[in-house]
PDB file of N, CA and C in Angstrom:
ATOM      1  N   GLU A   1     -31.673  80.454   1.817  1.00  0.00           N
ATOM      2  CA  GLU A   1     -32.468  79.947   1.731  1.00  0.00           C
ATOM      3  C   GLU A   1     -33.486  78.986   2.524  1.00  0.00           C
ATOM      4  N   VAL A   2     -32.748  78.040   3.257  1.00  0.00           N
ATOM      5  CA  VAL A   2     -33.140  77.041   4.414  1.00  0.00           C
ATOM      6  C   VAL A   2     -33.166  77.987   5.569  1.00  0.00           C
ATOM      7  N   ILE A   3     -32.674  79.018   5.888  1.00  0.00           N
ATOM      8  CA  ILE A   3     -32.694  80.100   7.149  1.00  0.00           C
ATOM      9  C   ILE A   3     -33.910  80.594   7.150  1.00  0.00           C
ATOM     10  N   GLU A   4     -34.150  81.370   5.945  1.00  0.00           N
ATOM     11  CA  GLU A   4     -35.246  82.035   5.649  1.00  0.00           C
ATOM     12  C   GLU A   4     -36.424  81.649   5.556  1.00  0.00           C
ATOM     13  N   ARG A   5     -36.463  79.948   5.169  1.00  0.00           N
ATOM     14  CA  ARG A   5     -37.633  79.394   5.361  1.00  0.00           C
ATOM     15  C   ARG A   5     -38.268  79.074   6.950  1.00  0.00           C
ATOM     16  N   LEU A   6     -37.239  78.632   7.441  1.00  0.00           N
ATOM     17  CA  LEU A   6     -37.375  78.165   8.688  1.00  0.00           C
ATOM     18  C   LEU A   6     -37.563  79.229   9.709  1.00  0.00           C
ATOM     19  N   LEU A   7     -37.254  80.733   9.499  1.00  0.00           N
ATOM     20  CA  LEU A   7     -37.598  81.708  10.352  1.00  0.00           C
ATOM     21  C   LEU A   7     -39.339  81.989   9.840  1.00  0.00           C
ATOM     22  N   ARG A   8     -39.698  81.752   8.613  1.00  0.00           N
ATOM     23  CA  ARG A   8     -41.016  81.987   8.526  1.00  0.00           C
ATOM     24  C   ARG A   8     -41.718  80.829   9.369  1.00  0.00           C
ATOM     25  N   ARG A   9     -41.198  80.238   9.445  1.00  0.00           N
ATOM     26  CA  ARG A   9     -42.211  79.116  10.494  1.00  0.00           C
ATOM     27  C   ARG A   9     -41.551  78.997  12.170  1.00  0.00           C
ATOM     28  N   PHE A  10     -40.529  79.463  12.573  1.00  0.00           N
ATOM     29  CA  PHE A  10     -40.257  79.519  13.844  1.00  0.00           C
ATOM     30  C   PHE A  10     -39.606  81.141  14.280  1.00  0.00           C
ATOM     31  N   PRO A  11     -39.826  81.669  15.351  1.00  0.00           N
ATOM     32  CA  PRO A  11     -39.577  83.043  15.756  1.00  0.00           C
ATOM     33  C   PRO A  11     -38.242  83.032  15.896  1.00  0.00           C
ATOM     34  N   ARG A  12     -37.201  81.938  16.387  1.00  0.00           N
ATOM     35  CA  ARG A  12     -35.885  82.046  16.563  1.00  0.00           C
ATOM     36  C   ARG A  12     -35.276  80.813  15.937  1.00  0.00           C
ATOM     37  N   LEU A  13     -34.149  80.677  15.564  1.00  0.00           N
ATOM     38  CA  LEU A  13     -33.209  79.567  15.378  1.00  0.00           C
ATOM     39  C   LEU A  13     -32.026  79.525  16.075  1.00  0.00           C
ATOM     40  N   LEU A  14     -31.714  78.413  16.489  1.00  0.00           N
ATOM     41  CA  LEU A  14     -30.292  78.003  16.848  1.00  0.00           C
ATOM     42  C   LEU A  14     -29.719  77.061  16.077  1.00  0.00           C
ATOM     43  N   VAL A  15     -28.406  77.511  15.307  1.00  0.00           N
ATOM     44  CA  VAL A  15     -27.552  76.837  14.339  1.00  0.00           C
ATOM     45  C   VAL A  15     -26.465  76.303  15.223  1.00  0.00           C
ATOM     46  N   LEU A  16     -26.354  75.057  15.060  1.00  0.00           N
ATOM     47  CA  LEU A  16     -25.135  74.165  15.796  1.00  0.00           C
ATOM     48  C   LEU A  16     -24.092  73.812  14.939  1.00  0.00           C
ATOM     49  N   ASP A  17     -22.949  74.127  14.840  1.00  0.00           N
ATOM     50  CA  ASP A  17     -22.093  73.508  13.827  1.00  0.00           C
ATOM     51  C   ASP A  17     -20.882  73.003  14.461  1.00  0.00           C
ATOM     52  N   LEU A  18     -21.016  71.162  14.522  1.00  0.00           N
ATOM     53  CA  LEU A  18     -20.613  70.295  15.625  1.00  0.00           C
ATOM     54  C   LEU A  18     -19.305  69.794  14.730  1.00  0.00           C
ATOM     55  N   HIS A  19     -18.227  69.957  15.327  1.00  0.00           N
ATOM     56  CA  HIS A  19     -16.673  69.557  15.107  1.00  0.00           C
ATOM     57  C   HIS A  19     -16.299  68.704  16.537  1.00  0.00           C
ATOM     58  N   SER A  20     -14.858  68.112  16.025  1.00  0.00           N
ATOM     59  CA  SER A  20     -14.274  67.623  17.322  1.00  0.00           C
ATOM     60  C   SER A  20     -12.691  67.900  17.252  1.00  0.00           C
ATOM     61  N   PHE A  21     -12.220  67.572  18.023  1.00  0.00           N
ATOM     62  CA  PHE A  21     -10.647  68.111  18.418  1.00  0.00           C
ATOM     63  C   PHE A  21      -9.894  66.873  18.915  1.00  0.00           C
ATOM     64  N   GLY A  22      -8.570  66.675  18.619  1.00  0.00           N
ATOM     65  CA  GLY A  22      -8.021  65.418  19.130  1.00  0.00           C
ATOM     66  C   GLY A  22      -6.626  65.861  20.120  1.00  0.00           C
ATOM     67  N   VAL A  23      -6.495  67.122  20.657  1.00  0.00           N
ATOM     68  CA  VAL A  23      -5.298  67.360  21.356  1.00  0.00           C
ATOM     69  C   VAL A  23      -5.875  67.978  22.612  1.00  0.00           C
ATOM     70  N   ASP A  24      -5.304  67.601  23.764  1.00  0.00           N
ATOM     71  CA  ASP A  24      -5.906  68.085  24.791  1.00  0.00           C
ATOM     72  C   ASP A  24      -5.867  69.391  25.609  1.00  0.00           C
ATOM     73  N   LEU A  25      -6.898  70.082  25.250  1.00  0.00           N
ATOM     74  CA  LEU A  25      -7.060  71.362  25.464  1.00  0.00           C
ATOM     75  C   LEU A  25      -7.575  71.620  26.750  1.00  0.00           C
ATOM     76  N   GLY A  26      -7.770  70.729  27.903  1.00  0.00           N
ATOM     77  CA  GLY A  26      -8.260  70.808  29.200  1.00  0.00           C
ATOM     78  C   GLY A  26      -9.894  71.152  29.121  1.00  0.00           C
ATOM     79  N   ALA A  27     -10.506  70.739  28.073  1.00  0.00           N
ATOM     80  CA  ALA A  27     -12.034  70.429  28.125  1.00  0.00           C
ATOM     81  C   ALA A  27     -12.613  69.254  27.383  1.00  0.00           C
ATOM     82  N   ASP A  28     -13.715  69.138  27.609  1.00  0.00           N
ATOM     83  CA  ASP A  28     -14.719  67.964  26.652  1.00  0.00           C
ATOM     84  C   ASP A  28     -15.167  68.611  25.587  1.00  0.00           C
ATOM     85  N   VAL A  29     -15.995  70.115  25.799  1.00  0.00           N
ATOM     86  CA  VAL A  29     -16.645  70.543  25.135  1.00  0.00           C
ATOM     87  C   VAL A  29     -16.111  71.942  24.867  1.00  0.00           C
ATOM     88  N   ILE A  30     -16.071  72.905  23.695  1.00  0.00           N
ATOM     89  CA  ILE A  30     -15.667  74.409  23.675  1.00  0.00           C
ATOM     90  C   ILE A  30     -16.779  74.881  22.626  1.00  0.00           C
ATOM     91  N   LEU A  31     -17.585  75.575  23.306  1.00  0.00           N
ATOM     92  CA  LEU A  31     -18.449  76.259  22.624  1.00  0.00           C
ATOM     93  C   LEU A  31     -17.908  77.822  21.791  1.00  0.00           C
ATOM     94  N   GLY A  32     -18.048  77.912  20.669  1.00  0.00           N
ATOM     95  CA  GLY A  32     -17.738  79.328  20.054  1.00  0.00           C
ATOM     96  C   GLY A  32     -18.910  79.883  19.323  1.00  0.00           C
ATOM     97  N   ASP A  33     -18.593  81.234  19.884  1.00  0.00           N
ATOM     98  CA  ASP A  33     -19.702  82.220  19.674  1.00  0.00           C
ATOM     99  C   ASP A  33     -19.149  83.473  19.352  1.00  0.00           C
ATOM    100  N   ARG A  34     -17.843  83.599  18.478  1.00  0.00           N
ATOM    101  CA  ARG A  34     -17.219  84.518  18.194  1.00  0.00           C
ATOM    102  C   ARG A  34     -17.410  85.682  19.125  1.00  0.00           C
ATOM    103  N   ARG A  35     -16.930  85.176  20.559  1.00  0.00           N
ATOM    104  CA  ARG A  35     -16.530  86.189  21.576  1.00  0.00           C
ATOM    105  C   ARG A  35     -18.080  86.768  21.567  1.00  0.00           C
ATOM    106  N   GLY A  36     -19.236  86.163  21.776  1.00  0.00           N
ATOM    107  CA  GLY A  36     -20.487  86.784  21.697  1.00  0.00           C
ATOM    108  C   GLY A  36     -21.155  87.417  20.620  1.00  0.00           C
ATOM    109  N   ARG A  37     -20.472  87.251  19.548  1.00  0.00           N
ATOM    110  CA  ARG A  37     -20.764  88.133  18.503  1.00  0.00           C
ATOM    111  C   ARG A  37     -21.835  87.426  17.461  1.00  0.00           C
ATOM    112  N   THR A  38     -21.990  86.060  17.766  1.00  0.00           N
ATOM    113  CA  THR A  38     -23.196  84.995  16.950  1.00  0.00           C
ATOM    114  C   THR A  38     -24.358  84.658  17.891  1.00  0.00           C
ATOM    115  N   ALA A  39     -24.182  84.656  18.924  1.00  0.00           N
ATOM    116  CA  ALA A  39     -25.436  83.970  19.730  1.00  0.00           C
ATOM    117  C   ALA A  39     -25.533  84.766  20.950  1.00  0.00           C
ATOM    118  N   SER A  40     -26.703  84.906  21.457  1.00  0.00           N
ATOM    119  CA  SER A  40     -26.952  85.602  22.733  1.00  0.00           C
ATOM    120  C   SER A  40     -26.420  84.656  23.923  1.00  0.00           C
ATOM    121  N   GLU A  41     -25.962  85.612  24.808  1.00  0.00           N
ATOM    122  CA  GLU A  41     -25.466  84.888  26.080  1.00  0.00           C
ATOM    123  C   GLU A  41     -25.984  83.811  26.462  1.00  0.00           C
ATOM    124  N   LYS A  42     -27.702  84.070  26.384  1.00  0.00           N
ATOM    125  CA  LYS A  42     -28.848  83.393  26.889  1.00  0.00           C
ATOM    126  C   LYS A  42     -28.763  82.017  26.155  1.00  0.00           C
ATOM    127  N   GLU A  43     -28.542  81.819  24.991  1.00  0.00           N
ATOM    128  CA  GLU A  43     -28.044  80.561  24.495  1.00  0.00           C
ATOM    129  C   GLU A  43     -27.152  79.978  24.484  1.00  0.00           C
ATOM    130  N   VAL A  44     -26.269  80.587  24.810  1.00  0.00           N
ATOM    131  CA  VAL A  44     -24.637  80.126  25.223  1.00  0.00           C
ATOM    132  C   VAL A  44     -24.926  79.226  26.376  1.00  0.00           C
ATOM    133  N   ALA A  45     -25.356  80.182  27.496  1.00  0.00           N
ATOM    134  CA  ALA A  45     -25.372  79.776  28.840  1.00  0.00           C
ATOM    135  C   ALA A  45     -26.407  78.505  28.809  1.00  0.00           C
ATOM    136  N   ARG A  46     -27.330  78.292  28.109  1.00  0.00           N
ATOM    137  CA  ARG A  46     -28.371  77.125  27.937  1.00  0.00           C
ATOM    138  C   ARG A  46     -27.303  75.806  27.703  1.00  0.00           C
ATOM    139  N   LEU A  47     -26.815  75.981  26.288  1.00  0.00           N
ATOM    140  CA  LEU A  47     -25.723  75.042  25.840  1.00  0.00           C
ATOM    141  C   LEU A  47     -24.569  74.580  27.097  1.00  0.00           C
ATOM    142  N   GLU A  48     -24.044  75.770  27.491  1.00  0.00           N
ATOM    143  CA  GLU A  48     -23.130  75.371  28.582  1.00  0.00           C
ATOM    144  C   GLU A  48     -23.691  74.510  29.703  1.00  0.00           C
ATOM    145  N   ARG A  49     -24.893  74.765  30.267  1.00  0.00           N
ATOM    146  CA  ARG A  49     -25.764  74.382  31.354  1.00  0.00           C
ATOM    147  C   ARG A  49     -25.850  72.850  30.791  1.00  0.00           C
ATOM    148  N   ALA A  50     -26.593  72.602  29.768  1.00  0.00           N
ATOM    149  CA  ALA A  50     -26.899  71.088  29.367  1.00  0.00           C
ATOM    150  C   ALA A  50     -25.727  70.365  29.221  1.00  0.00           C
ATOM    151  N   PHE A  51     -24.718  70.769  28.810  1.00  0.00           N
ATOM    152  CA  PHE A  51     -23.158  69.921  28.396  1.00  0.00           C
ATOM    153  C   PHE A  51     -22.590  69.604  29.661  1.00  0.00           C
ATOM    154  N   SER A  52     -22.662  70.394  30.910  1.00  0.00           N
ATOM    155  CA  SER A  52     -21.890  70.566  32.206  1.00  0.00           C
ATOM    156  C   SER A  52     -23.060  69.382  32.762  1.00  0.00           C
ATOM    157  N   GLY A  53     -24.164  69.889  32.455  1.00  0.00           N
ATOM    158  CA  GLY A  53     -24.955  68.667  33.344  1.00  0.00           C
ATOM    159  C   GLY A  53     -24.939  67.344  33.071  1.00  0.00           C
ATOM    160  N   GLN A  54     -24.267  66.867  32.053  1.00  0.00           N
ATOM    161  CA  GLN A  54     -24.147  65.564  31.529  1.00  0.00           C
ATOM    162  C   GLN A  54     -22.665  65.251  31.530  1.00  0.00           C
ATOM    163  N   GLY A  55     -22.054  66.135  32.450  1.00  0.00           N
ATOM    164  CA  GLY A  55     -20.438  65.681  32.959  1.00  0.00           C
ATOM    165  C   GLY A  55     -19.507  66.286  32.174  1.00  0.00           C
ATOM    166  N   PHE A  56     -19.825  66.588  31.167  1.00  0.00           N
ATOM    167  CA  PHE A  56     -18.869  67.295  30.223  1.00  0.00           C
ATOM    168  C   PHE A  56     -18.009  68.605  30.967  1.00  0.00           C
ATOM    169  N   LEU A  57     -17.019  68.844  30.598  1.00  0.00           N
ATOM    170  CA  LEU A  57     -16.101  70.318  31.015  1.00  0.00           C
ATOM    171  C   LEU A  57     -16.206  70.838  29.813  1.00  0.00           C
ATOM    172  N   VAL A  58     -16.629  72.148  30.142  1.00  0.00           N
ATOM    173  CA  VAL A  58     -17.170  73.064  28.970  1.00  0.00           C
ATOM    174  C   VAL A  58     -16.365  74.321  29.209  1.00  0.00           C
ATOM    175  N   ARG A  59     -15.682  74.868  28.104  1.00  0.00           N
ATOM    176  CA  ARG A  59     -14.844  75.883  28.073  1.00  0.00           C
ATOM    177  C   ARG A  59     -15.446  76.906  26.837  1.00  0.00           C
ATOM    178  N   ARG A  60     -15.539  78.126  26.828  1.00  0.00           N
ATOM    179  CA  ARG A  60     -15.914  79.336  25.775  1.00  0.00           C
ATOM    180  C   ARG A  60     -14.955  79.432  25.003  1.00  0.00           C
ATOM    181  N   ASN A  61     -15.125  79.670  23.704  1.00  0.00           N
ATOM    182  CA  ASN A  61     -14.294  80.310  23.296  1.00  0.00           C
ATOM    183  C   ASN A  61     -12.859  80.227  23.000  1.00  0.00           C
ATOM    184  N   GLU A  62     -12.086  79.342  23.785  1.00  0.00           N
ATOM    185  CA  GLU A  62     -10.852  78.968  23.936  1.00  0.00           C
ATOM    186  C   GLU A  62     -10.511  78.050  22.465  1.00  0.00           C
ATOM    187  N   ARG A  63      -9.586  78.613  21.647  1.00  0.00           N
ATOM    188  CA  ARG A  63      -9.178  78.117  20.362  1.00  0.00           C
ATOM    189  C   ARG A  63      -9.918  78.123  19.559  1.00  0.00           C
ATOM    190  N   PHE A  64     -11.321  77.660  19.562  1.00  0.00           N
ATOM    191  CA  PHE A  64     -12.212  77.564  18.517  1.00  0.00           C
ATOM    192  C   PHE A  64     -13.434  78.735  18.899  1.00  0.00           C
ATOM    193  N   THR A  65     -13.340  79.700  17.914  1.00  0.00           N
ATOM    194  CA  THR A  65     -14.241  80.533  18.377  1.00  0.00           C
ATOM    195  C   THR A  65     -15.626  80.591  17.753  1.00  0.00           C
ATOM    196  N   GLY A  66     -15.406  79.856  16.611  1.00  0.00           N
ATOM    197  CA  GLY A  66     -16.523  79.665  15.554  1.00  0.00           C
ATOM    198  C   GLY A  66     -15.949  80.199  13.962  1.00  0.00           C
ATOM    199  N   GLY A  67     -16.239  79.057  13.162  1.00  0.00           N
ATOM    200  CA  GLY A  67     -15.742  79.533  11.922  1.00  0.00           C
ATOM    201  C   GLY A  67     -16.494  80.153  10.838  1.00  0.00           C
ATOM    202  N   TRP A  68     -16.436  79.642   9.632  1.00  0.00           N
ATOM    203  CA  TRP A  68     -16.902  80.118   8.513  1.00  0.00           C
ATOM    204  C   TRP A  68     -18.599  79.891   8.673  1.00  0.00           C
ATOM    205  N   THR A  69     -19.038  78.937   9.251  1.00  0.00           N
ATOM    206  CA  THR A  69     -20.645  78.336   9.081  1.00  0.00           C
ATOM    207  C   THR A  69     -21.016  79.204  10.192  1.00  0.00           C
ATOM    208  N   ILE A  70     -20.529  79.414  11.227  1.00  0.00           N
ATOM    209  CA  ILE A  70     -21.071  80.468  12.320  1.00  0.00           C
ATOM    210  C   ILE A  70     -21.051  81.736  11.783  1.00  0.00           C
ATOM    211  N   ARG A  71     -20.065  82.169  11.267  1.00  0.00           N
ATOM    212  CA  ARG A  71     -20.087  83.864  10.877  1.00  0.00           C
ATOM    213  C   ARG A  71     -21.086  84.000   9.503  1.00  0.00           C
ATOM    214  N   ARG A  72     -21.341  82.832   8.696  1.00  0.00           N
ATOM    215  CA  ARG A  72     -22.484  83.088   7.806  1.00  0.00           C
ATOM    216  C   ARG A  72     -23.746  83.236   8.041  1.00  0.00           C
ATOM    217  N   PHE A  73     -24.069  82.094   8.991  1.00  0.00           N
ATOM    218  CA  PHE A  73     -25.549  81.987   9.550  1.00  0.00           C
ATOM    219  C   PHE A  73     -25.867  82.756  10.612  1.00  0.00           C
ATOM    220  N   ALA A  74     -24.992  83.461  11.257  1.00  0.00           N
ATOM    221  CA  ALA A  74     -25.276  84.343  12.396  1.00  0.00           C
ATOM    222  C   ALA A  74     -25.508  85.946  11.943  1.00  0.00           C
ATOM    223  N   GLY A  75     -25.828  86.097  10.884  1.00  0.00           N
ATOM    224  CA  GLY A  75     -26.051  87.311  10.398  1.00  0.00           C
ATOM    225  C   GLY A  75     -27.674  87.836  10.435  1.00  0.00           C
ATOM    226  N   HIS A  76     -28.376  87.025  10.830  1.00  0.00           N
ATOM    227  CA  HIS A  76     -29.924  87.316  11.469  1.00  0.00           C
ATOM    228  C   HIS A  76     -30.158  87.804  12.764  1.00  0.00           C
ATOM    229  N   ASP A  77     -30.914  88.912  13.133  1.00  0.00           N
ATOM    230  CA  ASP A  77     -31.175  88.828  14.608  1.00  0.00           C
ATOM    231  C   ASP A  77     -32.068  87.818  15.017  1.00  0.00           C
ATOM    232  N   ARG A  78     -32.553  87.140  14.349  1.00  0.00           N
ATOM    233  CA  ARG A  78     -33.341  85.909  15.000  1.00  0.00           C
ATOM    234  C   ARG A  78     -32.766  84.344  15.067  1.00  0.00           C
ATOM    235  N   VAL A  79     -31.445  84.739  14.714  1.00  0.00           N
ATOM    236  CA  VAL A  79     -30.462  83.348  14.338  1.00  0.00           C
ATOM    237  C   VAL A  79     -29.194  83.334  15.600  1.00  0.00           C
ATOM    238  N   ASP A  80     -29.220  82.424  16.094  1.00  0.00           N
ATOM    239  CA  ASP A  80     -28.143  82.224  17.055  1.00  0.00           C
ATOM    240  C   ASP A  80     -27.207  81.052  16.816  1.00  0.00           C
ATOM    241  N   ALA A  81     -25.907  81.495  16.513  1.00  0.00           N
ATOM    242  CA  ALA A  81     -25.140  79.965  15.904  1.00  0.00           C
ATOM    243  C   ALA A  81     -23.885  80.060  16.849  1.00  0.00           C
ATOM    244  N   VAL A  82     -23.612  78.914  17.008  1.00  0.00           N
ATOM    245  CA  VAL A  82     -22.653  78.332  17.752  1.00  0.00           C
ATOM    246  C   VAL A  82     -21.979  77.263  17.297  1.00  0.00           C
ATOM    247  N   GLN A  83     -20.547  77.252  17.511  1.00  0.00           N
ATOM    248  CA  GLN A  83     -19.655  76.274  16.868  1.00  0.00           C
ATOM    249  C   GLN A  83     -19.380  75.133  18.323  1.00  0.00           C
ATOM    250  N   ILE A  84     -19.920  73.824  17.959  1.00  0.00           N
ATOM    251  CA  ILE A  84     -19.325  72.864  19.279  1.00  0.00           C
ATOM    252  C   ILE A  84     -18.146  72.016  18.846  1.00  0.00           C
ATOM    253  N   GLU A  85     -17.170  72.185  19.583  1.00  0.00           N
ATOM    254  CA  GLU A  85     -16.145  71.309  19.478  1.00  0.00           C
ATOM    255  C   GLU A  85     -16.107  69.822  20.690  1.00  0.00           C
ATOM    256  N   LEU A  86     -16.114  68.876  20.262  1.00  0.00           N
ATOM    257  CA  LEU A  86     -16.292  67.821  21.126  1.00  0.00           C
ATOM    258  C   LEU A  86     -14.624  67.259  21.167  1.00  0.00           C
ATOM    259  N   ASP A  87     -14.106  67.039  22.256  1.00  0.00           N
ATOM    260  CA  ASP A  87     -12.828  66.350  22.364  1.00  0.00           C
ATOM    261  C   ASP A  87     -13.018  64.700  21.973  1.00  0.00           C
ATOM    262  N   ARG A  88     -12.124  64.255  20.844  1.00  0.00           N
ATOM    263  CA  ARG A  88     -12.230  63.124  20.486  1.00  0.00           C
ATOM    264  C   ARG A  88     -11.919  61.956  21.679  1.00  0.00           C
ATOM    265  N   ARG A  89     -11.546  62.506  22.593  1.00  0.00           N
ATOM    266  CA  ARG A  89     -10.811  61.688  23.628  1.00  0.00           C
ATOM    267  C   ARG A  89     -12.198  61.037  24.540  1.00  0.00           C
ATOM    268  N   CYS A  90     -13.204  61.782  24.378  1.00  0.00           N
ATOM    269  CA  CYS A  90     -14.392  61.315  24.938  1.00  0.00           C
ATOM    270  C   CYS A  90     -15.256  59.968  24.111  1.00  0.00           C
ATOM    271  N   TYR A  91     -14.759  59.653  23.109  1.00  0.00           N
ATOM    272  CA  TYR A  91     -15.665  58.719  22.351  1.00  0.00           C
ATOM    273  C   TYR A  91     -14.415  57.788  21.664  1.00  0.00           C
ATOM    274  N   LEU A  92     -12.957  58.079  21.479  1.00  0.00           N
ATOM    275  CA  LEU A  92     -12.003  57.531  20.919  1.00  0.00           C
ATOM    276  C   LEU A  92     -11.019  56.932  21.530  1.00  0.00           C
ATOM    277  N   ARG A  93     -10.357  56.282  21.856  1.00  0.00           N
ATOM    278  CA  ARG A  93      -8.951  55.779  22.616  1.00  0.00           C
ATOM    279  C   ARG A  93      -7.832  56.311  21.850  1.00  0.00           C
ATOM    280  N   LEU A  94      -7.032  57.465  22.528  1.00  0.00           N
ATOM    281  CA  LEU A  94      -6.016  58.232  21.490  1.00  0.00           C
ATOM    282  C   LEU A  94      -4.784  58.283  22.011  1.00  0.00           C
ATOM    283  N   ASP A  95      -4.500  57.259  23.152  1.00  0.00           N
ATOM    284  CA  ASP A  95      -3.516  57.531  23.567  1.00  0.00           C
ATOM    285  C   ASP A  95      -2.965  56.032  24.214  1.00  0.00           C
ATOM    286  N   PRO A  96      -1.882  55.416  23.403  1.00  0.00           N
ATOM    287  CA  PRO A  96      -0.876  56.298  22.346  1.00  0.00           C
ATOM    288  C   PRO A  96      -1.743  56.405  21.014  1.00  0.00           C
ATOM    289  N   PRO A  97      -1.322  57.377  20.044  1.00  0.00           N
ATOM    290  CA  PRO A  97      -2.083  57.515  18.838  1.00  0.00           C
ATOM    291  C   PRO A  97      -1.808  56.198  17.979  1.00  0.00           C
ATOM    292  N   PRO A  98      -2.935  55.660  17.675  1.00  0.00           N
ATOM    293  CA  PRO A  98      -2.733  54.360  16.615  1.00  0.00           C
ATOM    294  C   PRO A  98      -2.656  54.342  15.360  1.00  0.00           C
ATOM    295  N   TYR A  99      -2.223  55.601  14.806  1.00  0.00           N
ATOM    296  CA  TYR A  99      -2.031  55.620  13.351  1.00  0.00           C
ATOM    297  C   TYR A  99      -0.639  54.733  12.848  1.00  0.00           C
ATOM    298  N   PRO A 100      -0.985  54.293  11.871  1.00  0.00           N
ATOM    299  CA  PRO A 100      -1.842  54.581  10.634  1.00  0.00           C
ATOM    300  C   PRO A 100      -3.260  53.936  10.848  1.00  0.00           C
ATOM    301  N   ASP A 101      -3.265  53.186  11.908  1.00  0.00           N
ATOM    302  CA  ASP A 101      -4.774  52.666  12.026  1.00  0.00           C
ATOM    303  C   ASP A 101      -5.568  53.473  12.471  1.00  0.00           C
ATOM    304  N   PRO A 102      -6.907  53.042  12.178  1.00  0.00           N
ATOM    305  CA  PRO A 102      -7.995  53.996  12.789  1.00  0.00           C
ATOM    306  C   PRO A 102      -8.018  53.845  14.218  1.00  0.00           C
ATOM    307  N   PRO A 103      -8.490  54.775  14.945  1.00  0.00           N
ATOM    308  CA  PRO A 103      -8.146  54.662  16.352  1.00  0.00           C
ATOM    309  C   PRO A 103      -9.389  53.660  17.054  1.00  0.00           C
ATOM    310  N   PRO A 104      -9.278  52.877  18.227  1.00  0.00           N
ATOM    311  CA  PRO A 104     -10.119  52.078  18.409  1.00  0.00           C
ATOM    312  C   PRO A 104     -11.345  52.909  19.545  1.00  0.00           C
ATOM    313  N   ARG A 105     -12.474  52.454  19.306  1.00  0.00           N
ATOM    314  CA  ARG A 105     -13.483  53.294  19.738  1.00  0.00           C
ATOM    315  C   ARG A 105     -13.190  53.129  21.479  1.00  0.00           C
ATOM    316  N   GLY A 106     -13.470  54.315  22.201  1.00  0.00           N
ATOM    317  CA  GLY A 106     -13.745  54.376  23.348  1.00  0.00           C
ATOM    318  C   GLY A 106     -15.007  54.411  23.927  1.00  0.00           C
ATOM    319  N   ASP A 107     -15.475  55.261  24.742  1.00  0.00           N
ATOM    320  CA  ASP A 107     -16.981  55.066  24.937  1.00  0.00           C
ATOM    321  C   ASP A 107     -17.925  55.754  24.160  1.00  0.00           C
ATOM    322  N   PHE A 108     -17.964  55.462  22.868  1.00  0.00           N
ATOM    323  CA  PHE A 108     -18.466  56.204  21.931  1.00  0.00           C
ATOM    324  C   PHE A 108     -19.903  56.512  22.295  1.00  0.00           C
ATOM    325  N   ASP A 109     -20.754  54.886  22.547  1.00  0.00           N
ATOM    326  CA  ASP A 109     -22.132  54.991  22.752  1.00  0.00           C
ATOM    327  C   ASP A 109     -22.432  55.792  23.942  1.00  0.00           C
ATOM    328  N   GLY A 110     -21.669  55.950  25.267  1.00  0.00           N
ATOM    329  CA  GLY A 110     -21.996  56.629  26.258  1.00  0.00           C
ATOM    330  C   GLY A 110     -21.898  58.259  26.015  1.00  0.00           C
ATOM    331  N   THR A 111     -21.164  58.335  25.074  1.00  0.00           N
ATOM    332  CA  THR A 111     -20.536  59.742  24.784  1.00  0.00           C
ATOM    333  C   THR A 111     -22.076  60.251  24.025  1.00  0.00           C
ATOM    334  N   GLU A 112     -22.070  59.732  23.188  1.00  0.00           N
ATOM    335  CA  GLU A 112     -23.383  59.529  22.231  1.00  0.00           C
ATOM    336  C   GLU A 112     -24.637  59.724  22.878  1.00  0.00           C
ATOM    337  N   ARG A 113     -24.844  59.009  23.819  1.00  0.00           N
ATOM    338  CA  ARG A 113     -26.120  59.167  25.034  1.00  0.00           C
ATOM    339  C   ARG A 113     -26.095  60.589  25.564  1.00  0.00           C
ATOM    340  N   ARG A 114     -25.094  61.105  26.246  1.00  0.00           N
ATOM    341  CA  ARG A 114     -24.791  62.106  27.001  1.00  0.00           C
ATOM    342  C   ARG A 114     -25.159  63.298  25.831  1.00  0.00           C
ATOM    343  N   LEU A 115     -24.669  63.460  24.872  1.00  0.00           N
ATOM    344  CA  LEU A 115     -24.540  64.450  23.711  1.00  0.00           C
ATOM    345  C   LEU A 115     -26.038  64.716  23.366  1.00  0.00           C
ATOM    346  N   ARG A 116     -26.950  63.467  23.257  1.00  0.00           N
ATOM    347  CA  ARG A 116     -28.441  63.281  23.036  1.00  0.00           C
ATOM    348  C   ARG A 116     -29.124  64.099  24.284  1.00  0.00           C
ATOM    349  N   ARG A 117     -28.725  63.717  25.434  1.00  0.00           N
ATOM    350  CA  ARG A 117     -29.667  64.111  26.390  1.00  0.00           C
ATOM    351  C   ARG A 117     -29.497  65.570  26.789  1.00  0.00           C
ATOM    352  N   ALA A 118     -28.036  66.218  26.161  1.00  0.00           N
ATOM    353  CA  ALA A 118     -27.708  67.633  26.319  1.00  0.00           C
ATOM    354  C   ALA A 118     -28.110  68.525  25.348  1.00  0.00           C
ATOM    355  N   LEU A 119     -28.389  67.697  24.434  1.00  0.00           N
ATOM    356  CA  LEU A 119     -29.267  68.483  23.319  1.00  0.00           C
ATOM    357  C   LEU A 119     -30.699  68.668  23.449  1.00  0.00           C
ATOM    358  N   GLU A 120     -30.985  67.637  23.456  1.00  0.00           N
ATOM    359  CA  GLU A 120     -32.452  67.282  23.924  1.00  0.00           C
ATOM    360  C   GLU A 120     -32.989  68.730  24.726  1.00  0.00           C
ATOM    361  N   GLU A 121     -32.151  68.708  26.052  1.00  0.00           N
ATOM    362  CA  GLU A 121     -32.654  69.289  26.903  1.00  0.00           C
ATOM    363  C   GLU A 121     -32.617  71.084  26.351  1.00  0.00           C
ATOM    364  N   VAL A 122     -31.376  71.321  25.378  1.00  0.00           N
ATOM    365  CA  VAL A 122     -31.501  72.753  25.138  1.00  0.00           C
ATOM    366  C   VAL A 122     -32.793  72.677  24.188  1.00  0.00           C
ATOM    367  N   VAL A 123     -33.327  71.952  23.288  1.00  0.00           N
ATOM    368  CA  VAL A 123     -34.321  72.013  22.495  1.00  0.00           C
ATOM    369  C   VAL A 123     -35.553  72.341  22.952  1.00  0.00           C
ATOM    370  N   THR A 124     -35.904  71.193  24.476  1.00  0.00           N
ATOM    371  CA  THR A 124     -37.075  71.138  24.911  1.00  0.00           C
ATOM    372  C   THR A 124     -36.999  72.440  26.098  1.00  0.00           C
ATOM    373  N   GLU A 125     -35.794  72.871  26.476  1.00  0.00           N
ATOM    374  CA  GLU A 125     -35.814  74.264  27.402  1.00  0.00           C
ATOM    375  C   GLU A 125     -36.390  75.563  26.662  1.00  0.00           C
ATOM    376  N   GLY A 126     -35.902  75.624  25.440  1.00  0.00           N
ATOM    377  CA  GLY A 126     -36.163  76.371  24.583  1.00  0.00           C
ATOM    378  C   GLY A 126     -37.558  76.876  23.932  1.00  0.00           C
TER     379      GLY A 126
END
C-alpha cells in the first residue's frame, strides 16, 4: 500500500534496505540488487559513485545480493530496490571482539556524516 501510494505521487521510487556486517569482506559497503534484477544499472551506479565519493570501498553483490525486502518491493517497473550492507568496522571498534560487552564506538559520528552526504547526493542527483 505504501509503495502504491508513493507511486501516485512520484514517478519512480528508490527503496533502500540498510544492514550491517561484522566480518572482513574487503569492502566498506556492499550493494545488493539481486545481480541486476531489482534495480537499474543507473541507480546502482549512482549509489556506488556516492559512497565511493565519500571514501567508502564499494562492491556489488558479493555475499549480500539482496534479501526478502529487496525481492518484495522490486516487483514494480517504477521501483528500484537495493540492499546496502555497511561494515561495522566503519563505526565500531571490533578488534579484538569485545564480547560479551557491547563493542566500543569507533568513528560513528564521522561514518554517519559520510553516509548522510552519500545519500543526500543520490537523492538530489535523481
